[in-house]
PDB file of N, CA and C in Angstrom:
ATOM      1  N   MET A   1    -124.935  93.504 103.663  1.00  0.00           N
ATOM      2  CA  MET A   1    -124.237  92.696 104.667  1.00  0.00           C
ATOM      3  C   MET A   1    -123.692  91.377 103.861  1.00  0.00           C
ATOM      4  N   ALA A   2    -122.578  91.079 104.156  1.00  0.00           N
ATOM      5  CA  ALA A   2    -122.045  90.026 103.510  1.00  0.00           C
ATOM      6  C   ALA A   2    -122.298  88.711 104.410  1.00  0.00           C
ATOM      7  N   ALA A   3    -122.780  87.805 103.882  1.00  0.00           N
ATOM      8  CA  ALA A   3    -123.042  86.500 104.622  1.00  0.00           C
ATOM      9  C   ALA A   3    -121.754  85.847 104.830  1.00  0.00           C
ATOM     10  N   ALA A   4    -121.560  85.355 106.030  1.00  0.00           N
ATOM     11  CA  ALA A   4    -120.347  84.801 106.310  1.00  0.00           C
ATOM     12  C   ALA A   4    -120.553  83.284 106.040  1.00  0.00           C
ATOM     13  N   THR A   5    -119.744  82.680 105.229  1.00  0.00           N
ATOM     14  CA  THR A   5    -119.803  81.326 104.898  1.00  0.00           C
ATOM     15  C   THR A   5    -118.948  80.449 105.855  1.00  0.00           C
ATOM     16  N   ALA A   6    -119.470  79.468 106.323  1.00  0.00           N
ATOM     17  CA  ALA A   6    -118.663  78.704 107.214  1.00  0.00           C
ATOM     18  C   ALA A   6    -117.937  77.645 106.365  1.00  0.00           C
ATOM     19  N   PRO A   7    -116.739  77.377 106.661  1.00  0.00           N
ATOM     20  CA  PRO A   7    -115.921  76.463 105.798  1.00  0.00           C
ATOM     21  C   PRO A   7    -116.612  75.082 105.950  1.00  0.00           C
ATOM     22  N   ALA A   8    -116.567  74.363 104.731  1.00  0.00           N
ATOM     23  CA  ALA A   8    -117.206  73.062 104.590  1.00  0.00           C
ATOM     24  C   ALA A   8    -116.463  72.156 105.495  1.00  0.00           C
ATOM     25  N   GLU A   9    -117.354  71.462 106.296  1.00  0.00           N
ATOM     26  CA  GLU A   9    -116.659  70.500 107.265  1.00  0.00           C
ATOM     27  C   GLU A   9    -116.318  69.287 106.475  1.00  0.00           C
ATOM     28  N   GLN A  10    -115.121  68.879 106.709  1.00  0.00           N
ATOM     29  CA  GLN A  10    -114.603  67.732 106.087  1.00  0.00           C
ATOM     30  C   GLN A  10    -114.726  66.483 106.922  1.00  0.00           C
ATOM     31  N   THR A  11    -115.269  65.537 106.486  1.00  0.00           N
ATOM     32  CA  THR A  11    -115.403  64.232 107.211  1.00  0.00           C
ATOM     33  C   THR A  11    -114.120  63.419 106.920  1.00  0.00           C
ATOM     34  N   PRO A  12    -113.555  62.832 107.984  1.00  0.00           N
ATOM     35  CA  PRO A  12    -112.424  62.073 107.760  1.00  0.00           C
ATOM     36  C   PRO A  12    -112.702  60.865 106.968  1.00  0.00           C
ATOM     37  N   LYS A  13    -111.923  60.513 105.997  1.00  0.00           N
ATOM     38  CA  LYS A  13    -112.099  59.353 105.230  1.00  0.00           C
ATOM     39  C   LYS A  13    -111.682  58.163 106.009  1.00  0.00           C
ATOM     40  N   THR A  14    -112.411  57.252 106.161  1.00  0.00           N
ATOM     41  CA  THR A  14    -111.999  55.934 106.904  1.00  0.00           C
ATOM     42  C   THR A  14    -112.137  54.945 105.920  1.00  0.00           C
ATOM     43  N   SER A  15    -111.027  53.962 106.211  1.00  0.00           N
ATOM     44  CA  SER A  15    -111.120  52.774 105.299  1.00  0.00           C
ATOM     45  C   SER A  15    -112.220  51.703 105.767  1.00  0.00           C
ATOM     46  N   PRO A  16    -112.722  51.028 104.813  1.00  0.00           N
ATOM     47  CA  PRO A  16    -113.876  50.126 105.457  1.00  0.00           C
ATOM     48  C   PRO A  16    -113.292  49.090 106.334  1.00  0.00           C
ATOM     49  N   ALA A  17    -114.003  48.668 107.174  1.00  0.00           N
ATOM     50  CA  ALA A  17    -113.645  47.626 108.276  1.00  0.00           C
ATOM     51  C   ALA A  17    -113.128  46.351 107.547  1.00  0.00           C
ATOM     52  N   PRO A  18    -112.092  45.792 108.144  1.00  0.00           N
ATOM     53  CA  PRO A  18    -111.626  44.539 107.449  1.00  0.00           C
ATOM     54  C   PRO A  18    -112.537  43.510 107.675  1.00  0.00           C
ATOM     55  N   VAL A  19    -112.718  42.687 106.548  1.00  0.00           N
ATOM     56  CA  VAL A  19    -113.549  41.545 106.677  1.00  0.00           C
ATOM     57  C   VAL A  19    -112.786  40.321 107.376  1.00  0.00           C
ATOM     58  N   PRO A  20    -113.371  39.889 108.524  1.00  0.00           N
ATOM     59  CA  PRO A  20    -112.723  38.826 109.258  1.00  0.00           C
ATOM     60  C   PRO A  20    -112.564  37.515 108.506  1.00  0.00           C
ATOM     61  N   PHE A  21    -113.539  37.235 107.723  1.00  0.00           N
ATOM     62  CA  PHE A  21    -113.324  35.864 106.991  1.00  0.00           C
ATOM     63  C   PHE A  21    -113.537  36.167 105.376  1.00  0.00           C
ATOM     64  N   ASP A  22    -112.825  35.360 104.644  1.00  0.00           N
ATOM     65  CA  ASP A  22    -113.015  35.409 103.191  1.00  0.00           C
ATOM     66  C   ASP A  22    -113.717  34.092 102.878  1.00  0.00           C
ATOM     67  N   PHE A  23    -115.103  34.104 102.711  1.00  0.00           N
ATOM     68  CA  PHE A  23    -115.924  32.975 102.642  1.00  0.00           C
ATOM     69  C   PHE A  23    -115.683  32.170 101.296  1.00  0.00           C
ATOM     70  N   SER A  24    -114.868  32.670 100.504  1.00  0.00           N
ATOM     71  CA  SER A  24    -114.582  31.901  99.214  1.00  0.00           C
ATOM     72  C   SER A  24    -113.331  31.011  99.399  1.00  0.00           C
ATOM     73  N   GLN A  25    -112.534  31.173 100.585  1.00  0.00           N
ATOM     74  CA  GLN A  25    -111.562  30.375 100.863  1.00  0.00           C
ATOM     75  C   GLN A  25    -111.674  29.723 102.111  1.00  0.00           C
ATOM     76  N   PRO A  26    -111.036  28.460 102.405  1.00  0.00           N
ATOM     77  CA  PRO A  26    -111.159  27.875 103.616  1.00  0.00           C
ATOM     78  C   PRO A  26    -110.316  28.658 104.634  1.00  0.00           C
ATOM     79  N   PRO A  27    -110.700  28.458 106.007  1.00  0.00           N
ATOM     80  CA  PRO A  27    -110.067  29.337 106.988  1.00  0.00           C
ATOM     81  C   PRO A  27    -108.741  28.998 107.081  1.00  0.00           C
ATOM     82  N   VAL A  28    -107.870  29.816 107.403  1.00  0.00           N
ATOM     83  CA  VAL A  28    -106.564  29.564 107.864  1.00  0.00           C
ATOM     84  C   VAL A  28    -106.280  29.305 109.291  1.00  0.00           C
ATOM     85  N   ILE A  29    -105.686  28.235 109.741  1.00  0.00           N
ATOM     86  CA  ILE A  29    -105.716  27.949 111.146  1.00  0.00           C
ATOM     87  C   ILE A  29    -104.150  27.685 111.439  1.00  0.00           C
ATOM     88  N   GLU A  30    -103.653  28.529 112.333  1.00  0.00           N
ATOM     89  CA  GLU A  30    -102.360  28.512 112.626  1.00  0.00           C
ATOM     90  C   GLU A  30    -101.958  27.183 113.105  1.00  0.00           C
ATOM     91  N   GLY A  31    -100.840  26.574 112.497  1.00  0.00           N
ATOM     92  CA  GLY A  31    -100.325  25.279 113.127  1.00  0.00           C
ATOM     93  C   GLY A  31    -100.977  24.120 112.436  1.00  0.00           C
ATOM     94  N   PHE A  32    -101.895  24.356 111.581  1.00  0.00           N
ATOM     95  CA  PHE A  32    -102.699  23.206 110.970  1.00  0.00           C
ATOM     96  C   PHE A  32    -102.510  23.172 109.511  1.00  0.00           C
ATOM     97  N   ASP A  33    -101.974  21.951 109.034  1.00  0.00           N
ATOM     98  CA  ASP A  33    -101.704  21.922 107.606  1.00  0.00           C
ATOM     99  C   ASP A  33    -102.602  20.705 107.127  1.00  0.00           C
ATOM    100  N   PRO A  34    -103.791  21.042 106.442  1.00  0.00           N
ATOM    101  CA  PRO A  34    -104.577  19.875 105.988  1.00  0.00           C
ATOM    102  C   PRO A  34    -103.906  19.076 104.845  1.00  0.00           C
ATOM    103  N   LEU A  35    -104.209  17.853 104.918  1.00  0.00           N
ATOM    104  CA  LEU A  35    -103.530  16.912 103.942  1.00  0.00           C
ATOM    105  C   LEU A  35    -104.272  17.099 102.530  1.00  0.00           C
ATOM    106  N   PRO A  36    -103.579  17.402 101.576  1.00  0.00           N
ATOM    107  CA  PRO A  36    -104.280  17.603 100.233  1.00  0.00           C
ATOM    108  C   PRO A  36    -105.000  16.302  99.833  1.00  0.00           C
ATOM    109  N   ARG A  37    -106.182  16.533  99.249  1.00  0.00           N
ATOM    110  CA  ARG A  37    -106.874  15.361  98.774  1.00  0.00           C
ATOM    111  C   ARG A  37    -106.437  14.898  97.432  1.00  0.00           C
ATOM    112  N   VAL A  38    -106.167  13.846  97.387  1.00  0.00           N
ATOM    113  CA  VAL A  38    -105.759  13.162  95.957  1.00  0.00           C
ATOM    114  C   VAL A  38    -106.812  13.193  95.002  1.00  0.00           C
ATOM    115  N   LYS A  39    -108.017  12.658  95.439  1.00  0.00           N
ATOM    116  CA  LYS A  39    -109.095  12.490  94.411  1.00  0.00           C
ATOM    117  C   LYS A  39    -110.407  12.415  95.298  1.00  0.00           C
ATOM    118  N   ASP A  40    -111.368  13.120  94.927  1.00  0.00           N
ATOM    119  CA  ASP A  40    -112.631  13.082  95.562  1.00  0.00           C
ATOM    120  C   ASP A  40    -113.341  11.717  95.052  1.00  0.00           C
ATOM    121  N   GLU A  41    -113.860  10.868  95.945  1.00  0.00           N
ATOM    122  CA  GLU A  41    -114.458   9.615  95.570  1.00  0.00           C
ATOM    123  C   GLU A  41    -115.994   9.952  95.407  1.00  0.00           C
ATOM    124  N   THR A  42    -116.557   9.157  94.504  1.00  0.00           N
ATOM    125  CA  THR A  42    -117.925   9.185  94.245  1.00  0.00           C
ATOM    126  C   THR A  42    -118.509   8.206  95.483  1.00  0.00           C
ATOM    127  N   PHE A  43    -119.847   8.308  95.602  1.00  0.00           N
ATOM    128  CA  PHE A  43    -120.496   7.293  96.532  1.00  0.00           C
ATOM    129  C   PHE A  43    -120.198   5.872  96.209  1.00  0.00           C
ATOM    130  N   LYS A  44    -120.270   5.556  94.800  1.00  0.00           N
ATOM    131  CA  LYS A  44    -120.098   4.227  94.470  1.00  0.00           C
ATOM    132  C   LYS A  44    -118.792   3.844  94.797  1.00  0.00           C
ATOM    133  N   GLU A  45    -117.774   4.529  94.434  1.00  0.00           N
ATOM    134  CA  GLU A  45    -116.294   4.199  94.688  1.00  0.00           C
ATOM    135  C   GLU A  45    -116.073   3.928  96.186  1.00  0.00           C
ATOM    136  N   LYS A  46    -116.585   4.889  96.926  1.00  0.00           N
ATOM    137  CA  LYS A  46    -116.456   4.676  98.476  1.00  0.00           C
ATOM    138  C   LYS A  46    -117.133   3.495  98.953  1.00  0.00           C
ATOM    139  N   PHE A  47    -118.295   3.287  98.454  1.00  0.00           N
ATOM    140  CA  PHE A  47    -118.991   2.019  98.986  1.00  0.00           C
ATOM    141  C   PHE A  47    -118.288   0.858  98.730  1.00  0.00           C
ATOM    142  N   LEU A  48    -117.746   0.737  97.428  1.00  0.00           N
ATOM    143  CA  LEU A  48    -116.987  -0.424  97.022  1.00  0.00           C
ATOM    144  C   LEU A  48    -115.639  -0.515  97.777  1.00  0.00           C
ATOM    145  N   ARG A  49    -114.989   0.591  98.194  1.00  0.00           N
ATOM    146  CA  ARG A  49    -113.759   0.482  98.785  1.00  0.00           C
ATOM    147  C   ARG A  49    -114.126   0.069 100.283  1.00  0.00           C
ATOM    148  N   LYS A  50    -115.047   0.625 100.891  1.00  0.00           N
ATOM    149  CA  LYS A  50    -115.432   0.072 102.141  1.00  0.00           C
ATOM    150  C   LYS A  50    -115.927  -1.304 102.342  1.00  0.00           C
ATOM    151  N   THR A  51    -116.617  -1.815 101.326  1.00  0.00           N
ATOM    152  CA  THR A  51    -117.108  -3.116 101.328  1.00  0.00           C
ATOM    153  C   THR A  51    -115.880  -4.122 101.180  1.00  0.00           C
ATOM    154  N   LYS A  52    -114.833  -3.728 100.304  1.00  0.00           N
ATOM    155  CA  LYS A  52    -113.645  -4.643 100.329  1.00  0.00           C
ATOM    156  C   LYS A  52    -112.839  -4.666 101.660  1.00  0.00           C
ATOM    157  N   GLU A  53    -112.870  -3.435 102.289  1.00  0.00           N
ATOM    158  CA  GLU A  53    -112.226  -3.289 103.522  1.00  0.00           C
ATOM    159  C   GLU A  53    -112.847  -4.241 104.648  1.00  0.00           C
ATOM    160  N   ASN A  54    -114.129  -4.188 104.703  1.00  0.00           N
ATOM    161  CA  ASN A  54    -114.885  -5.129 105.549  1.00  0.00           C
ATOM    162  C   ASN A  54    -116.234  -5.538 105.013  1.00  0.00           C
ATOM    163  N   PRO A  55    -116.135  -6.790 104.339  1.00  0.00           N
ATOM    164  CA  PRO A  55    -117.340  -7.219 103.763  1.00  0.00           C
ATOM    165  C   PRO A  55    -118.430  -7.789 104.544  1.00  0.00           C
ATOM    166  N   PHE A  56    -118.211  -7.933 105.795  1.00  0.00           N
ATOM    167  CA  PHE A  56    -119.278  -8.496 106.707  1.00  0.00           C
ATOM    168  C   PHE A  56    -120.355  -7.434 107.067  1.00  0.00           C
ATOM    169  N   VAL A  57    -120.028  -6.128 106.993  1.00  0.00           N
ATOM    170  CA  VAL A  57    -121.004  -5.077 107.461  1.00  0.00           C
ATOM    171  C   VAL A  57    -122.138  -5.101 106.499  1.00  0.00           C
ATOM    172  N   PRO A  58    -121.836  -5.012 105.102  1.00  0.00           N
ATOM    173  CA  PRO A  58    -123.004  -5.045 104.120  1.00  0.00           C
ATOM    174  C   PRO A  58    -123.801  -6.408 104.305  1.00  0.00           C
ATOM    175  N   LEU A  59    -123.206  -7.490 104.403  1.00  0.00           N
ATOM    176  CA  LEU A  59    -123.830  -8.683 104.625  1.00  0.00           C
ATOM    177  C   LEU A  59    -124.814  -8.843 105.823  1.00  0.00           C
ATOM    178  N   GLY A  60    -124.259  -8.216 106.933  1.00  0.00           N
ATOM    179  CA  GLY A  60    -125.157  -8.102 108.131  1.00  0.00           C
ATOM    180  C   GLY A  60    -126.366  -7.160 107.945  1.00  0.00           C
ATOM    181  N   CYS A  61    -126.081  -6.039 107.225  1.00  0.00           N
ATOM    182  CA  CYS A  61    -127.169  -5.155 106.878  1.00  0.00           C
ATOM    183  C   CYS A  61    -128.169  -5.815 105.885  1.00  0.00           C
ATOM    184  N   LEU A  62    -127.735  -6.531 105.015  1.00  0.00           N
ATOM    185  CA  LEU A  62    -128.770  -7.243 104.090  1.00  0.00           C
ATOM    186  C   LEU A  62    -129.487  -8.323 104.714  1.00  0.00           C
ATOM    187  N   GLY A  63    -128.717  -9.019 105.687  1.00  0.00           N
ATOM    188  CA  GLY A  63    -129.540 -10.135 106.640  1.00  0.00           C
ATOM    189  C   GLY A  63    -130.502  -9.456 107.477  1.00  0.00           C
ATOM    190  N   THR A  64    -130.042  -8.293 108.111  1.00  0.00           N
ATOM    191  CA  THR A  64    -130.980  -7.641 108.965  1.00  0.00           C
ATOM    192  C   THR A  64    -132.209  -7.247 108.211  1.00  0.00           C
ATOM    193  N   ALA A  65    -132.091  -6.587 106.943  1.00  0.00           N
ATOM    194  CA  ALA A  65    -133.197  -6.041 106.324  1.00  0.00           C
ATOM    195  C   ALA A  65    -134.065  -7.260 105.721  1.00  0.00           C
ATOM    196  N   GLY A  66    -133.480  -8.266 105.310  1.00  0.00           N
ATOM    197  CA  GLY A  66    -134.118  -9.483 104.801  1.00  0.00           C
ATOM    198  C   GLY A  66    -135.075 -10.044 105.785  1.00  0.00           C
ATOM    199  N   ALA A  67    -134.452 -10.294 107.069  1.00  0.00           N
ATOM    200  CA  ALA A  67    -135.258 -10.891 108.241  1.00  0.00           C
ATOM    201  C   ALA A  67    -136.384  -9.913 108.576  1.00  0.00           C
ATOM    202  N   LEU A  68    -136.037  -8.633 108.524  1.00  0.00           N
ATOM    203  CA  LEU A  68    -137.151  -7.745 108.949  1.00  0.00           C
ATOM    204  C   LEU A  68    -138.334  -7.804 107.996  1.00  0.00           C
ATOM    205  N   MET A  69    -137.900  -7.687 106.670  1.00  0.00           N
ATOM    206  CA  MET A  69    -139.062  -7.694 105.697  1.00  0.00           C
ATOM    207  C   MET A  69    -139.795  -8.998 105.706  1.00  0.00           C
ATOM    208  N   TYR A  70    -139.101 -10.090 105.714  1.00  0.00           N
ATOM    209  CA  TYR A  70    -139.841 -11.286 105.669  1.00  0.00           C
ATOM    210  C   TYR A  70    -140.600 -11.584 107.001  1.00  0.00           C
ATOM    211  N   GLY A  71    -140.076 -11.062 108.109  1.00  0.00           N
ATOM    212  CA  GLY A  71    -140.747 -11.257 109.416  1.00  0.00           C
ATOM    213  C   GLY A  71    -142.023 -10.386 109.315  1.00  0.00           C
ATOM    214  N   LEU A  72    -142.024  -9.052 108.940  1.00  0.00           N
ATOM    215  CA  LEU A  72    -143.208  -8.248 108.762  1.00  0.00           C
ATOM    216  C   LEU A  72    -144.210  -8.912 107.762  1.00  0.00           C
ATOM    217  N   ARG A  73    -143.814  -9.484 106.742  1.00  0.00           N
ATOM    218  CA  ARG A  73    -144.618 -10.296 105.767  1.00  0.00           C
ATOM    219  C   ARG A  73    -145.425 -11.410 106.519  1.00  0.00           C
ATOM    220  N   ALA A  74    -144.654 -12.188 107.228  1.00  0.00           N
ATOM    221  CA  ALA A  74    -145.073 -13.348 107.993  1.00  0.00           C
ATOM    222  C   ALA A  74    -146.127 -12.859 109.026  1.00  0.00           C
ATOM    223  N   PHE A  75    -145.902 -11.768 109.674  1.00  0.00           N
ATOM    224  CA  PHE A  75    -146.741 -11.223 110.666  1.00  0.00           C
ATOM    225  C   PHE A  75    -148.079 -10.710 110.143  1.00  0.00           C
ATOM    226  N   HIS A  76    -148.015  -9.981 108.907  1.00  0.00           N
ATOM    227  CA  HIS A  76    -149.153  -9.565 108.119  1.00  0.00           C
ATOM    228  C   HIS A  76    -150.096 -10.746 107.839  1.00  0.00           C
ATOM    229  N   GLN A  77    -149.495 -11.820 107.380  1.00  0.00           N
ATOM    230  CA  GLN A  77    -150.165 -13.083 106.884  1.00  0.00           C
ATOM    231  C   GLN A  77    -150.779 -13.795 108.211  1.00  0.00           C
ATOM    232  N   GLY A  78    -150.380 -13.467 109.417  1.00  0.00           N
ATOM    233  CA  GLY A  78    -150.803 -14.171 110.480  1.00  0.00           C
ATOM    234  C   GLY A  78    -150.076 -15.346 110.970  1.00  0.00           C
ATOM    235  N   LYS A  79    -148.860 -15.437 110.556  1.00  0.00           N
ATOM    236  CA  LYS A  79    -147.970 -16.538 110.962  1.00  0.00           C
ATOM    237  C   LYS A  79    -147.213 -16.196 112.050  1.00  0.00           C
ATOM    238  N   THR A  80    -147.708 -16.103 113.203  1.00  0.00           N
ATOM    239  CA  THR A  80    -147.078 -15.474 114.465  1.00  0.00           C
ATOM    240  C   THR A  80    -145.799 -16.262 114.807  1.00  0.00           C
ATOM    241  N   ARG A  81    -145.799 -17.593 114.811  1.00  0.00           N
ATOM    242  CA  ARG A  81    -144.623 -18.301 115.167  1.00  0.00           C
ATOM    243  C   ARG A  81    -143.408 -18.085 114.235  1.00  0.00           C
ATOM    244  N   GLN A  82    -143.695 -18.019 112.984  1.00  0.00           N
ATOM    245  CA  GLN A  82    -142.684 -17.708 111.906  1.00  0.00           C
ATOM    246  C   GLN A  82    -142.206 -16.336 112.051  1.00  0.00           C
ATOM    247  N   SER A  83    -143.047 -15.387 112.426  1.00  0.00           N
ATOM    248  CA  SER A  83    -142.826 -14.076 112.590  1.00  0.00           C
ATOM    249  C   SER A  83    -141.760 -13.845 113.751  1.00  0.00           C
ATOM    250  N   GLN A  84    -142.132 -14.435 114.854  1.00  0.00           N
ATOM    251  CA  GLN A  84    -141.388 -14.466 116.114  1.00  0.00           C
ATOM    252  C   GLN A  84    -139.908 -14.845 115.811  1.00  0.00           C
ATOM    253  N   LEU A  85    -139.800 -16.058 115.091  1.00  0.00           N
ATOM    254  CA  LEU A  85    -138.490 -16.563 114.753  1.00  0.00           C
ATOM    255  C   LEU A  85    -137.708 -15.560 113.809  1.00  0.00           C
ATOM    256  N   LEU A  86    -138.325 -15.028 112.866  1.00  0.00           N
ATOM    257  CA  LEU A  86    -137.612 -14.053 112.053  1.00  0.00           C
ATOM    258  C   LEU A  86    -137.195 -12.841 112.753  1.00  0.00           C
ATOM    259  N   MET A  87    -138.032 -12.345 113.680  1.00  0.00           N
ATOM    260  CA  MET A  87    -137.642 -11.199 114.485  1.00  0.00           C
ATOM    261  C   MET A  87    -136.397 -11.395 115.405  1.00  0.00           C
ATOM    262  N   ARG A  88    -136.316 -12.701 115.896  1.00  0.00           N
ATOM    263  CA  ARG A  88    -135.166 -13.114 116.570  1.00  0.00           C
ATOM    264  C   ARG A  88    -133.993 -13.258 115.712  1.00  0.00           C
ATOM    265  N   GLY A  89    -134.196 -13.721 114.454  1.00  0.00           N
ATOM    266  CA  GLY A  89    -133.145 -13.657 113.539  1.00  0.00           C
ATOM    267  C   GLY A  89    -132.592 -12.335 113.250  1.00  0.00           C
ATOM    268  N   ARG A  90    -133.485 -11.360 113.122  1.00  0.00           N
ATOM    269  CA  ARG A  90    -133.243  -9.973 112.876  1.00  0.00           C
ATOM    270  C   ARG A  90    -132.291  -9.554 113.948  1.00  0.00           C
ATOM    271  N   ILE A  91    -132.583  -9.780 115.110  1.00  0.00           N
ATOM    272  CA  ILE A  91    -131.784  -9.365 116.321  1.00  0.00           C
ATOM    273  C   ILE A  91    -130.436  -9.875 116.166  1.00  0.00           C
ATOM    274  N   PHE A  92    -130.346 -11.271 115.903  1.00  0.00           N
ATOM    275  CA  PHE A  92    -128.984 -11.949 115.664  1.00  0.00           C
ATOM    276  C   PHE A  92    -128.218 -11.256 114.560  1.00  0.00           C
ATOM    277  N   ALA A  93    -128.929 -10.866 113.455  1.00  0.00           N
ATOM    278  CA  ALA A  93    -128.257 -10.298 112.357  1.00  0.00           C
ATOM    279  C   ALA A  93    -127.709  -8.829 112.783  1.00  0.00           C
ATOM    280  N   GLN A  94    -128.546  -8.094 113.484  1.00  0.00           N
ATOM    281  CA  GLN A  94    -128.137  -6.783 114.020  1.00  0.00           C
ATOM    282  C   GLN A  94    -126.964  -6.927 114.842  1.00  0.00           C
ATOM    283  N   GLY A  95    -126.939  -7.945 115.801  1.00  0.00           N
ATOM    284  CA  GLY A  95    -125.629  -8.123 116.607  1.00  0.00           C
ATOM    285  C   GLY A  95    -124.513  -8.465 115.756  1.00  0.00           C
ATOM    286  N   PHE A  96    -124.566  -9.375 114.841  1.00  0.00           N
ATOM    287  CA  PHE A  96    -123.639  -9.633 113.846  1.00  0.00           C
ATOM    288  C   PHE A  96    -123.062  -8.432 113.185  1.00  0.00           C
ATOM    289  N   THR A  97    -123.899  -7.501 112.693  1.00  0.00           N
ATOM    290  CA  THR A  97    -123.505  -6.304 112.080  1.00  0.00           C
ATOM    291  C   THR A  97    -122.656  -5.388 113.037  1.00  0.00           C
ATOM    292  N   VAL A  98    -123.227  -5.207 114.225  1.00  0.00           N
ATOM    293  CA  VAL A  98    -122.528  -4.501 115.190  1.00  0.00           C
ATOM    294  C   VAL A  98    -121.090  -4.912 115.424  1.00  0.00           C
ATOM    295  N   CYS A  99    -120.940  -6.247 115.625  1.00  0.00           N
ATOM    296  CA  CYS A  99    -119.678  -6.926 116.013  1.00  0.00           C
ATOM    297  C   CYS A  99    -118.795  -6.707 114.664  1.00  0.00           C
ATOM    298  N   ALA A 100    -119.394  -6.840 113.554  1.00  0.00           N
ATOM    299  CA  ALA A 100    -118.505  -6.608 112.285  1.00  0.00           C
ATOM    300  C   ALA A 100    -118.035  -5.246 112.242  1.00  0.00           C
ATOM    301  N   ILE A 101    -118.767  -4.231 112.667  1.00  0.00           N
ATOM    302  CA  ILE A 101    -118.454  -2.736 112.670  1.00  0.00           C
ATOM    303  C   ILE A 101    -117.305  -2.658 113.713  1.00  0.00           C
ATOM    304  N   ILE A 102    -117.417  -3.236 114.903  1.00  0.00           N
ATOM    305  CA  ILE A 102    -116.416  -3.082 115.886  1.00  0.00           C
ATOM    306  C   ILE A 102    -115.090  -3.652 115.508  1.00  0.00           C
ATOM    307  N   PHE A 103    -115.163  -4.827 114.943  1.00  0.00           N
ATOM    308  CA  PHE A 103    -113.989  -5.549 114.398  1.00  0.00           C
ATOM    309  C   PHE A 103    -113.391  -4.831 113.386  1.00  0.00           C
ATOM    310  N   GLY A 104    -114.112  -4.172 112.415  1.00  0.00           N
ATOM    311  CA  GLY A 104    -113.538  -3.349 111.470  1.00  0.00           C
ATOM    312  C   GLY A 104    -112.923  -2.005 111.975  1.00  0.00           C
ATOM    313  N   VAL A 105    -113.393  -1.576 112.948  1.00  0.00           N
ATOM    314  CA  VAL A 105    -112.695  -0.356 113.629  1.00  0.00           C
ATOM    315  C   VAL A 105    -111.515  -0.630 114.192  1.00  0.00           C
ATOM    316  N   PHE A 106    -111.364  -1.791 114.909  1.00  0.00           N
ATOM    317  CA  PHE A 106    -110.143  -2.256 115.618  1.00  0.00           C
ATOM    318  C   PHE A 106    -109.148  -2.575 114.568  1.00  0.00           C
ATOM    319  N   THR A 107    -109.478  -3.265 113.549  1.00  0.00           N
ATOM    320  CA  THR A 107    -108.530  -3.660 112.542  1.00  0.00           C
ATOM    321  C   THR A 107    -108.032  -2.328 111.755  1.00  0.00           C
ATOM    322  N   THR A 108    -108.805  -1.363 111.524  1.00  0.00           N
ATOM    323  CA  THR A 108    -108.388  -0.244 110.987  1.00  0.00           C
ATOM    324  C   THR A 108    -107.496   0.623 111.836  1.00  0.00           C
ATOM    325  N   ALA A 109    -107.655   0.534 113.154  1.00  0.00           N
ATOM    326  CA  ALA A 109    -106.857   1.199 114.139  1.00  0.00           C
ATOM    327  C   ALA A 109    -105.504   0.641 114.270  1.00  0.00           C
ATOM    328  N   LEU A 110    -105.338  -0.715 114.054  1.00  0.00           N
ATOM    329  CA  LEU A 110    -104.282  -1.476 114.225  1.00  0.00           C
ATOM    330  C   LEU A 110    -103.335  -1.488 113.047  1.00  0.00           C
ATOM    331  N   LYS A 111    -104.049  -1.331 111.812  1.00  0.00           N
ATOM    332  CA  LYS A 111    -103.365  -1.297 110.499  1.00  0.00           C
ATOM    333  C   LYS A 111    -102.313  -0.128 110.578  1.00  0.00           C
ATOM    334  N   PRO A 112    -101.022  -0.516 110.058  1.00  0.00           N
ATOM    335  CA  PRO A 112    -100.050   0.503 110.021  1.00  0.00           C
ATOM    336  C   PRO A 112    -100.408   1.503 108.971  1.00  0.00           C
ATOM    337  N   LYS A 113    -100.004   2.808 109.194  1.00  0.00           N
ATOM    338  CA  LYS A 113    -100.197   3.831 108.270  1.00  0.00           C
ATOM    339  C   LYS A 113     -99.228   3.710 107.066  1.00  0.00           C
ATOM    340  N   GLN A 114     -99.911   4.056 105.910  1.00  0.00           N
ATOM    341  CA  GLN A 114     -99.091   3.850 104.770  1.00  0.00           C
ATOM    342  C   GLN A 114     -98.577   5.074 104.228  1.00  0.00           C
TER     343      GLN A 114
END
C-alpha cells in the first residue's frame, strides 16, 4: 500500500507589523515645526545669561540663604532675639526674590520678540 502523502501546508508569509515609533528620531507631529536649536547652552552659560537678564533673583537667593544660615547659627548659640530678627530678614529676602521673579516674568513677556 502506498502511503498517501498530504501536500505540505504552506503558511502565508506575512510582513512584520509596522513599528509605530522610531525611537531613534523625534516624533513627527503634523502641523508642528520645532525651531532649530542654534547651540546648546551649558549650565554656566545659561546661569550667566539669566543673571544678566534679571540680576535681582540671585541676589535675593543669596540674601535668603545668608539670613537663614546666620539665623540658624544664632539660634544654635542661644541668641534668640538675633535669631528671630534674622528669620524675619529671611522672610523679607524671600519676598524680595519672589517679587524679582514676577517682575522678570513680566518684563520678559512684554519684551518684543527678536
